[in-house]
Amino acid sequence: MIRRGGFSLFEVMIATAVFVLGLTLILQMLGTSELFSRRAAETITAQVICQNKLNEIAMGLADWSEVKREECEENTDFWYSIRTLPHPALALQQVEVIVWPKSVRERNSNSGSSTATDEPLSARQVRLSCLLPRDPDPLLKPQVPLEVPQ
């Protein structure tokens, strides 16, 4: 019996199955990593928007009255809301800013309000808070009268 070199049909089928399985797993990982990188970019953008909004409020450049689901001026793909909570310390108010991304349906629709939810999705929201005086005027007024030297 003469033995020829090469692979049998069974060996080729097994090798093809292993190759297809490995290729399928790699393509799934690429799709998953793209999804996670997009969500990470959304989270970073939401953190920057949230910090900017909180800084504007703390500096007195923005109103810190309660806001329920308003579109961000900086990036229209995000909603934000502002909540004020009384703090046990005298004359302080806790101001909380919440930012969350719009859904794909909200981004693609013109109005956005018909399918939008008033509350953010808890897994994809960013919350920051700070304590401010209940009367925001002392932040803007100097405590000591300024005298100009002559």
N, C-alpha and C. Protein backbone atom coordinates (compact mmCIF):
# COMPACT_ATOMS: atom_id res chain seq x y z
N MET A 1 0.83 -1.16 0.00
CA MET A 1 0.00 0.00 0.00
C MET A 1 0.89 1.24 0.00
N ILE A 2 0.56 2.09 -0.91
CA ILE A 2 1.36 3.31 -1.05
C ILE A 2 0.69 4.44 -0.26
N ARG A 3 1.46 5.08 0.54
CA ARG A 3 0.94 6.18 1.37
C ARG A 3 1.32 7.48 0.70
N ARG A 4 0.32 8.31 0.42
CA ARG A 4 0.57 9.62 -0.18
C ARG A 4 0.63 10.68 0.90
N GLY A 5 1.39 11.75 0.64
CA GLY A 5 1.46 12.86 1.58
C GLY A 5 0.22 13.76 1.41
N GLY A 6 -0.15 14.46 2.48
CA GLY A 6 -1.29 15.38 2.41
C GLY A 6 -2.25 15.10 3.54
N PHE A 7 -3.36 15.83 3.51
CA PHE A 7 -4.35 15.73 4.58
C PHE A 7 -5.57 14.98 4.07
N SER A 8 -6.21 14.28 4.97
CA SER A 8 -7.44 13.59 4.62
C SER A 8 -8.60 14.60 4.64
N LEU A 9 -9.71 14.22 4.07
CA LEU A 9 -10.89 15.08 4.04
C LEU A 9 -11.37 15.41 5.46
N PHE A 10 -11.31 14.43 6.33
CA PHE A 10 -11.72 14.64 7.72
C PHE A 10 -10.85 15.69 8.41
N GLU A 11 -9.56 15.64 8.22
CA GLU A 11 -8.65 16.62 8.83
C GLU A 11 -8.91 18.02 8.28
N VAL A 12 -9.18 18.14 7.01
CA VAL A 12 -9.48 19.45 6.41
C VAL A 12 -10.78 20.01 6.97
N MET A 13 -11.80 19.17 7.16
CA MET A 13 -13.08 19.63 7.71
C MET A 13 -12.91 20.11 9.16
N ILE A 14 -12.14 19.38 9.95
CA ILE A 14 -11.89 19.78 11.34
C ILE A 14 -11.13 21.11 11.38
N ALA A 15 -10.11 21.26 10.55
CA ALA A 15 -9.33 22.50 10.52
C ALA A 15 -10.20 23.68 10.08
N THR A 16 -11.09 23.47 9.11
CA THR A 16 -12.00 24.53 8.65
C THR A 16 -12.97 24.92 9.77
N ALA A 17 -13.48 23.94 10.49
CA ALA A 17 -14.41 24.24 11.60
C ALA A 17 -13.72 25.05 12.69
N VAL A 18 -12.49 24.69 13.04
CA VAL A 18 -11.74 25.43 14.06
C VAL A 18 -11.47 26.85 13.58
N PHE A 19 -11.11 27.00 12.31
CA PHE A 19 -10.84 28.34 11.75
C PHE A 19 -12.09 29.21 11.77
N VAL A 20 -13.23 28.66 11.36
CA VAL A 20 -14.49 29.43 11.34
C VAL A 20 -14.91 29.80 12.76
N LEU A 21 -14.76 28.90 13.70
CA LEU A 21 -15.10 29.20 15.09
C LEU A 21 -14.21 30.31 15.64
N GLY A 22 -12.92 30.24 15.39
CA GLY A 22 -12.00 31.29 15.85
C GLY A 22 -12.30 32.63 15.21
N LEU A 23 -12.60 32.64 13.92
CA LEU A 23 -12.93 33.88 13.22
C LEU A 23 -14.22 34.49 13.76
N THR A 24 -15.20 33.65 14.05
CA THR A 24 -16.47 34.13 14.62
C THR A 24 -16.24 34.78 15.98
N LEU A 25 -15.45 34.16 16.82
CA LEU A 25 -15.17 34.72 18.14
C LEU A 25 -14.43 36.05 18.04
N ILE A 26 -13.48 36.16 17.14
CA ILE A 26 -12.74 37.41 16.97
C ILE A 26 -13.65 38.53 16.49
N LEU A 27 -14.55 38.23 15.55
CA LEU A 27 -15.47 39.26 15.06
C LEU A 27 -16.45 39.70 16.14
N GLN A 28 -16.90 38.78 16.98
CA GLN A 28 -17.76 39.15 18.10
C GLN A 28 -17.03 40.06 19.08
N MET A 29 -15.78 39.76 19.36
CA MET A 29 -15.00 40.59 20.28
C MET A 29 -14.80 41.99 19.70
N LEU A 30 -14.58 42.11 18.41
CA LEU A 30 -14.43 43.43 17.79
C LEU A 30 -15.70 44.25 17.92
N GLY A 31 -16.85 43.62 17.69
CA GLY A 31 -18.13 44.32 17.83
C GLY A 31 -18.38 44.77 19.26
N THR A 32 -18.05 43.91 20.21
CA THR A 32 -18.23 44.25 21.62
C THR A 32 -17.28 45.36 22.04
N SER A 33 -16.04 45.30 21.59
CA SER A 33 -15.09 46.35 21.98
C SER A 33 -15.48 47.70 21.37
N GLU A 34 -16.06 47.71 20.18
CA GLU A 34 -16.53 48.97 19.57
C GLU A 34 -17.67 49.55 20.40
N LEU A 35 -18.58 48.70 20.86
CA LEU A 35 -19.69 49.16 21.70
C LEU A 35 -19.18 49.75 23.01
N PHE A 36 -18.23 49.06 23.65
CA PHE A 36 -17.69 49.55 24.92
C PHE A 36 -16.91 50.85 24.74
N SER A 37 -16.18 50.98 23.64
CA SER A 37 -15.44 52.22 23.42
C SER A 37 -16.39 53.39 23.15
N ARG A 38 -17.50 53.14 22.46
CA ARG A 38 -18.49 54.20 22.23
C ARG A 38 -19.13 54.63 23.55
N ARG A 39 -19.45 53.65 24.39
CA ARG A 39 -20.05 53.99 25.69
C ARG A 39 -19.05 54.72 26.59
N ALA A 40 -17.78 54.35 26.52
CA ALA A 40 -16.76 55.05 27.31
C ALA A 40 -16.63 56.50 26.84
N ALA A 41 -16.65 56.72 25.53
CA ALA A 41 -16.59 58.08 25.00
C ALA A 41 -17.81 58.89 25.42
N GLU A 42 -18.99 58.26 25.43
CA GLU A 42 -20.21 58.93 25.90
C GLU A 42 -20.09 59.31 27.37
N THR A 43 -19.55 58.41 28.17
CA THR A 43 -19.41 58.68 29.61
C THR A 43 -18.44 59.83 29.85
N ILE A 44 -17.34 59.86 29.13
CA ILE A 44 -16.37 60.95 29.29
C ILE A 44 -17.00 62.28 28.88
N THR A 45 -17.73 62.29 27.77
CA THR A 45 -18.39 63.51 27.32
C THR A 45 -19.42 63.97 28.35
N ALA A 46 -20.19 63.02 28.91
CA ALA A 46 -21.18 63.36 29.92
C ALA A 46 -20.51 63.92 31.18
N GLN A 47 -19.36 63.37 31.56
CA GLN A 47 -18.64 63.88 32.73
C GLN A 47 -18.17 65.32 32.50
N VAL A 48 -17.66 65.59 31.32
CA VAL A 48 -17.19 66.95 31.01
C VAL A 48 -18.36 67.93 31.01
N ILE A 49 -19.47 67.56 30.41
CA ILE A 49 -20.66 68.43 30.39
C ILE A 49 -21.15 68.67 31.81
N CYS A 50 -21.20 67.62 32.60
CA CYS A 50 -21.67 67.73 33.99
C CYS A 50 -20.76 68.64 34.80
N GLN A 51 -19.46 68.47 34.69
CA GLN A 51 -18.52 69.32 35.42
C GLN A 51 -18.62 70.77 34.97
N ASN A 52 -18.74 71.00 33.66
CA ASN A 52 -18.88 72.37 33.16
C ASN A 52 -20.15 73.03 33.68
N LYS A 53 -21.26 72.30 33.68
CA LYS A 53 -22.53 72.85 34.16
C LYS A 53 -22.43 73.16 35.66
N LEU A 54 -21.80 72.28 36.42
CA LEU A 54 -21.65 72.51 37.86
C LEU A 54 -20.73 73.70 38.12
N ASN A 55 -19.67 73.85 37.33
CA ASN A 55 -18.78 75.01 37.47
C ASN A 55 -19.52 76.31 37.16
N GLU A 56 -20.34 76.30 36.11
CA GLU A 56 -21.12 77.49 35.77
C GLU A 56 -22.06 77.88 36.91
N ILE A 57 -22.69 76.88 37.52
CA ILE A 57 -23.60 77.14 38.64
C ILE A 57 -22.82 77.69 39.83
N ALA A 58 -21.70 77.06 40.17
CA ALA A 58 -20.91 77.48 41.33
C ALA A 58 -20.34 78.89 41.15
N MET A 59 -20.03 79.27 39.92
CA MET A 59 -19.48 80.61 39.67
C MET A 59 -20.57 81.66 39.50
N GLY A 60 -21.84 81.24 39.52
CA GLY A 60 -22.93 82.19 39.38
C GLY A 60 -23.25 82.56 37.94
N LEU A 61 -22.70 81.83 36.98
CA LEU A 61 -22.95 82.14 35.57
C LEU A 61 -24.22 81.49 35.05
N ALA A 62 -24.72 80.49 35.75
CA ALA A 62 -25.93 79.79 35.33
C ALA A 62 -26.90 79.72 36.50
N ASP A 63 -28.18 79.68 36.16
CA ASP A 63 -29.22 79.56 37.17
C ASP A 63 -29.23 78.14 37.72
N TRP A 64 -29.41 77.99 39.02
CA TRP A 64 -29.40 76.65 39.61
C TRP A 64 -30.76 76.27 40.15
N SER A 65 -31.80 76.80 39.53
CA SER A 65 -33.13 76.33 39.88
C SER A 65 -33.35 74.95 39.28
N GLU A 66 -34.36 74.26 39.78
CA GLU A 66 -34.60 72.88 39.35
C GLU A 66 -34.87 72.83 37.84
N VAL A 67 -34.24 71.88 37.18
CA VAL A 67 -34.44 71.66 35.75
C VAL A 67 -34.74 70.19 35.56
N LYS A 68 -35.79 69.87 34.82
CA LYS A 68 -36.13 68.48 34.51
C LYS A 68 -35.92 68.24 33.03
N ARG A 69 -34.94 67.46 32.69
CA ARG A 69 -34.67 67.01 31.32
C ARG A 69 -34.66 68.15 30.30
N GLU A 70 -33.52 68.78 30.23
CA GLU A 70 -33.31 69.84 29.25
C GLU A 70 -32.12 69.45 28.37
N GLU A 71 -32.18 69.86 27.12
CA GLU A 71 -31.11 69.51 26.19
C GLU A 71 -29.87 70.36 26.49
N CYS A 72 -28.70 69.72 26.47
CA CYS A 72 -27.45 70.43 26.71
C CYS A 72 -27.13 71.35 25.54
N GLU A 73 -26.63 72.54 25.87
CA GLU A 73 -26.26 73.48 24.82
C GLU A 73 -24.96 73.05 24.14
N GLU A 74 -24.03 72.49 24.91
CA GLU A 74 -22.72 72.13 24.39
C GLU A 74 -22.77 70.94 23.43
N ASN A 75 -23.63 69.98 23.73
CA ASN A 75 -23.72 68.76 22.93
C ASN A 75 -25.18 68.32 22.94
N THR A 76 -25.84 68.41 21.81
CA THR A 76 -27.27 68.14 21.76
C THR A 76 -27.61 66.65 21.84
N ASP A 77 -26.62 65.79 21.97
CA ASP A 77 -26.87 64.36 22.13
C ASP A 77 -27.06 63.97 23.59
N PHE A 78 -27.12 64.96 24.48
CA PHE A 78 -27.24 64.68 25.92
C PHE A 78 -28.35 65.52 26.53
N TRP A 79 -28.97 64.94 27.56
CA TRP A 79 -29.94 65.65 28.40
C TRP A 79 -29.25 65.98 29.71
N TYR A 80 -29.77 66.99 30.41
CA TYR A 80 -29.30 67.23 31.78
C TYR A 80 -30.46 67.67 32.64
N SER A 81 -30.32 67.47 33.92
CA SER A 81 -31.29 67.98 34.88
C SER A 81 -30.52 68.47 36.10
N ILE A 82 -31.14 69.41 36.80
CA ILE A 82 -30.54 69.99 38.01
C ILE A 82 -31.53 69.78 39.14
N ARG A 83 -31.05 69.26 40.25
CA ARG A 83 -31.88 69.09 41.45
C ARG A 83 -31.22 69.84 42.59
N THR A 84 -32.03 70.49 43.38
CA THR A 84 -31.52 71.14 44.59
C THR A 84 -32.13 70.42 45.79
N LEU A 85 -31.28 70.12 46.74
CA LEU A 85 -31.70 69.41 47.94
C LEU A 85 -31.26 70.21 49.16
N PRO A 86 -32.13 70.36 50.14
CA PRO A 86 -31.70 71.07 51.35
C PRO A 86 -30.62 70.27 52.08
N HIS A 87 -29.67 70.99 52.61
CA HIS A 87 -28.58 70.35 53.35
C HIS A 87 -28.77 70.65 54.83
N PRO A 88 -28.41 69.71 55.73
CA PRO A 88 -28.61 69.94 57.15
C PRO A 88 -27.83 71.15 57.69
N ALA A 89 -26.73 71.50 57.04
CA ALA A 89 -25.96 72.66 57.51
C ALA A 89 -26.74 73.93 57.20
N LEU A 90 -26.59 74.90 58.07
CA LEU A 90 -27.30 76.16 57.88
C LEU A 90 -26.87 76.86 56.61
N ALA A 91 -27.82 77.41 55.94
CA ALA A 91 -27.61 78.27 54.77
C ALA A 91 -26.89 77.58 53.61
N LEU A 92 -26.95 76.26 53.55
CA LEU A 92 -26.34 75.56 52.43
C LEU A 92 -27.40 74.76 51.67
N GLN A 93 -27.17 74.62 50.41
CA GLN A 93 -28.06 73.87 49.53
C GLN A 93 -27.20 72.93 48.69
N GLN A 94 -27.59 71.68 48.57
CA GLN A 94 -26.87 70.75 47.71
C GLN A 94 -27.44 70.85 46.31
N VAL A 95 -26.58 71.13 45.34
CA VAL A 95 -26.99 71.23 43.95
C VAL A 95 -26.42 70.02 43.23
N GLU A 96 -27.29 69.26 42.59
CA GLU A 96 -26.87 68.05 41.89
C GLU A 96 -27.18 68.20 40.41
N VAL A 97 -26.19 67.93 39.57
CA VAL A 97 -26.35 67.97 38.12
C VAL A 97 -26.25 66.54 37.61
N ILE A 98 -27.22 66.14 36.80
CA ILE A 98 -27.25 64.80 36.23
C ILE A 98 -27.24 64.95 34.71
N VAL A 99 -26.34 64.23 34.04
CA VAL A 99 -26.24 64.25 32.59
C VAL A 99 -26.33 62.82 32.08
N TRP A 100 -27.10 62.61 31.02
CA TRP A 100 -27.20 61.29 30.42
C TRP A 100 -27.40 61.42 28.91
N PRO A 101 -26.92 60.41 28.16
CA PRO A 101 -27.03 60.49 26.70
C PRO A 101 -28.45 60.21 26.22
N LYS A 102 -28.79 60.82 25.10
CA LYS A 102 -30.08 60.53 24.47
C LYS A 102 -30.02 59.14 23.86
N SER A 103 -31.18 58.53 23.70
CA SER A 103 -31.23 57.23 23.02
C SER A 103 -31.07 57.46 21.52
N VAL A 104 -30.81 56.40 20.80
CA VAL A 104 -30.65 56.50 19.35
C VAL A 104 -31.94 57.01 18.72
N ARG A 105 -33.08 56.57 19.22
CA ARG A 105 -34.37 57.01 18.70
C ARG A 105 -34.56 58.51 18.93
N GLU A 106 -34.16 58.99 20.10
CA GLU A 106 -34.28 60.43 20.39
C GLU A 106 -33.34 61.25 19.51
N ARG A 107 -32.15 60.72 19.22
CA ARG A 107 -31.20 61.45 18.38
C ARG A 107 -31.69 61.55 16.95
N ASN A 108 -32.35 60.50 16.46
CA ASN A 108 -32.80 60.47 15.07
C ASN A 108 -34.11 61.21 14.85
N SER A 109 -34.93 61.35 15.89
CA SER A 109 -36.20 62.07 15.72
C SER A 109 -35.96 63.57 15.86
N ASN A 110 -36.77 64.35 15.19
CA ASN A 110 -36.62 65.80 15.23
C ASN A 110 -37.08 66.37 16.56
N SER A 111 -38.22 65.92 17.06
CA SER A 111 -38.74 66.50 18.30
C SER A 111 -38.03 65.93 19.51
N GLY A 112 -37.86 64.62 19.56
CA GLY A 112 -37.15 64.00 20.67
C GLY A 112 -37.97 63.89 21.93
N SER A 113 -38.94 64.78 22.12
CA SER A 113 -39.67 64.79 23.39
C SER A 113 -40.75 63.72 23.44
N SER A 114 -41.22 63.21 22.30
CA SER A 114 -42.29 62.23 22.33
C SER A 114 -41.83 60.89 22.88
N THR A 115 -40.57 60.52 22.66
CA THR A 115 -40.09 59.23 23.13
C THR A 115 -39.11 59.37 24.28
N ALA A 116 -38.81 60.58 24.70
CA ALA A 116 -37.81 60.79 25.75
C ALA A 116 -38.38 60.45 27.11
N THR A 117 -37.53 59.95 27.96
CA THR A 117 -37.93 59.68 29.33
C THR A 117 -37.45 60.83 30.21
N ASP A 118 -38.24 61.14 31.23
CA ASP A 118 -37.86 62.24 32.12
C ASP A 118 -36.72 61.86 33.03
N GLU A 119 -36.61 60.61 33.35
CA GLU A 119 -35.54 60.16 34.24
C GLU A 119 -34.44 59.49 33.44
N PRO A 120 -33.19 59.72 33.79
CA PRO A 120 -32.09 59.10 33.06
C PRO A 120 -31.98 57.62 33.33
N LEU A 121 -31.38 56.92 32.40
CA LEU A 121 -31.08 55.51 32.62
C LEU A 121 -29.96 55.44 33.65
N SER A 122 -30.18 54.73 34.73
CA SER A 122 -29.25 54.78 35.85
C SER A 122 -27.85 54.28 35.49
N ALA A 123 -27.75 53.34 34.56
CA ALA A 123 -26.44 52.79 34.23
C ALA A 123 -25.61 53.74 33.38
N ARG A 124 -26.24 54.72 32.72
CA ARG A 124 -25.51 55.56 31.79
C ARG A 124 -25.53 57.03 32.18
N GLN A 125 -25.82 57.32 33.40
CA GLN A 125 -25.88 58.71 33.83
C GLN A 125 -24.63 59.11 34.61
N VAL A 126 -24.36 60.40 34.61
CA VAL A 126 -23.26 60.95 35.39
C VAL A 126 -23.86 61.95 36.35
N ARG A 127 -23.52 61.83 37.63
CA ARG A 127 -24.03 62.74 38.67
C ARG A 127 -22.87 63.41 39.39
N LEU A 128 -22.97 64.72 39.54
CA LEU A 128 -22.03 65.47 40.35
C LEU A 128 -22.83 66.43 41.21
N SER A 129 -22.33 66.71 42.39
CA SER A 129 -23.04 67.65 43.25
C SER A 129 -22.03 68.49 44.03
N CYS A 130 -22.51 69.63 44.50
CA CYS A 130 -21.70 70.50 45.34
C CYS A 130 -22.62 71.25 46.30
N LEU A 131 -22.03 71.80 47.34
CA LEU A 131 -22.78 72.59 48.31
C LEU A 131 -22.60 74.06 48.00
N LEU A 132 -23.71 74.78 47.95
CA LEU A 132 -23.69 76.21 47.67
C LEU A 132 -24.52 76.92 48.71
N PRO A 133 -24.26 78.21 48.95
CA PRO A 133 -25.12 78.97 49.84
C PRO A 133 -26.53 79.03 49.28
N ARG A 134 -27.53 79.01 50.16
CA ARG A 134 -28.92 79.06 49.68
C ARG A 134 -29.20 80.36 48.95
N ASP A 135 -28.59 81.42 49.39
CA ASP A 135 -28.73 82.70 48.71
C ASP A 135 -27.51 82.87 47.81
N PRO A 136 -27.66 82.77 46.49
CA PRO A 136 -26.48 82.82 45.62
C PRO A 136 -25.85 84.20 45.53
N ASP A 137 -26.52 85.24 46.02
CA ASP A 137 -25.97 86.59 45.91
C ASP A 137 -24.64 86.78 46.63
N PRO A 138 -24.41 86.19 47.81
CA PRO A 138 -23.11 86.41 48.46
C PRO A 138 -21.93 85.95 47.62
N LEU A 139 -22.15 85.04 46.69
CA LEU A 139 -21.05 84.63 45.82
C LEU A 139 -20.63 85.76 44.89
N LEU A 140 -21.59 86.58 44.51
CA LEU A 140 -21.31 87.61 43.52
C LEU A 140 -20.93 88.95 44.15
N LYS A 141 -21.37 89.19 45.39
CA LYS A 141 -21.08 90.46 46.05
C LYS A 141 -19.82 90.33 46.91
N PRO A 142 -18.94 91.30 46.86
CA PRO A 142 -17.78 91.24 47.76
C PRO A 142 -18.24 91.48 49.19
N GLN A 143 -17.65 90.78 50.14
CA GLN A 143 -18.02 90.91 51.54
C GLN A 143 -17.47 92.19 52.15
N VAL A 144 -16.33 92.64 51.69
CA VAL A 144 -15.71 93.85 52.21
C VAL A 144 -15.77 94.90 51.11
N PRO A 145 -16.21 96.11 51.42
CA PRO A 145 -16.26 97.12 50.38
C PRO A 145 -14.87 97.39 49.83
N LEU A 146 -14.79 97.48 48.53
CA LEU A 146 -13.52 97.71 47.88
C LEU A 146 -13.25 99.21 47.84
N GLU A 147 -12.06 99.58 48.26
CA GLU A 147 -11.65 100.98 48.21
C GLU A 147 -10.52 101.13 47.22
N VAL A 148 -10.66 102.09 46.38
CA VAL A 148 -9.64 102.33 45.39
C VAL A 148 -8.63 103.31 45.98
N PRO A 149 -7.35 102.91 46.07
CA PRO A 149 -6.34 103.85 46.62
C PRO A 149 -6.13 105.01 45.66
N GLN A 150 -5.94 106.20 46.25
CA GLN A 150 -5.77 107.39 45.43
C GLN A 150 -4.36 107.86 45.42
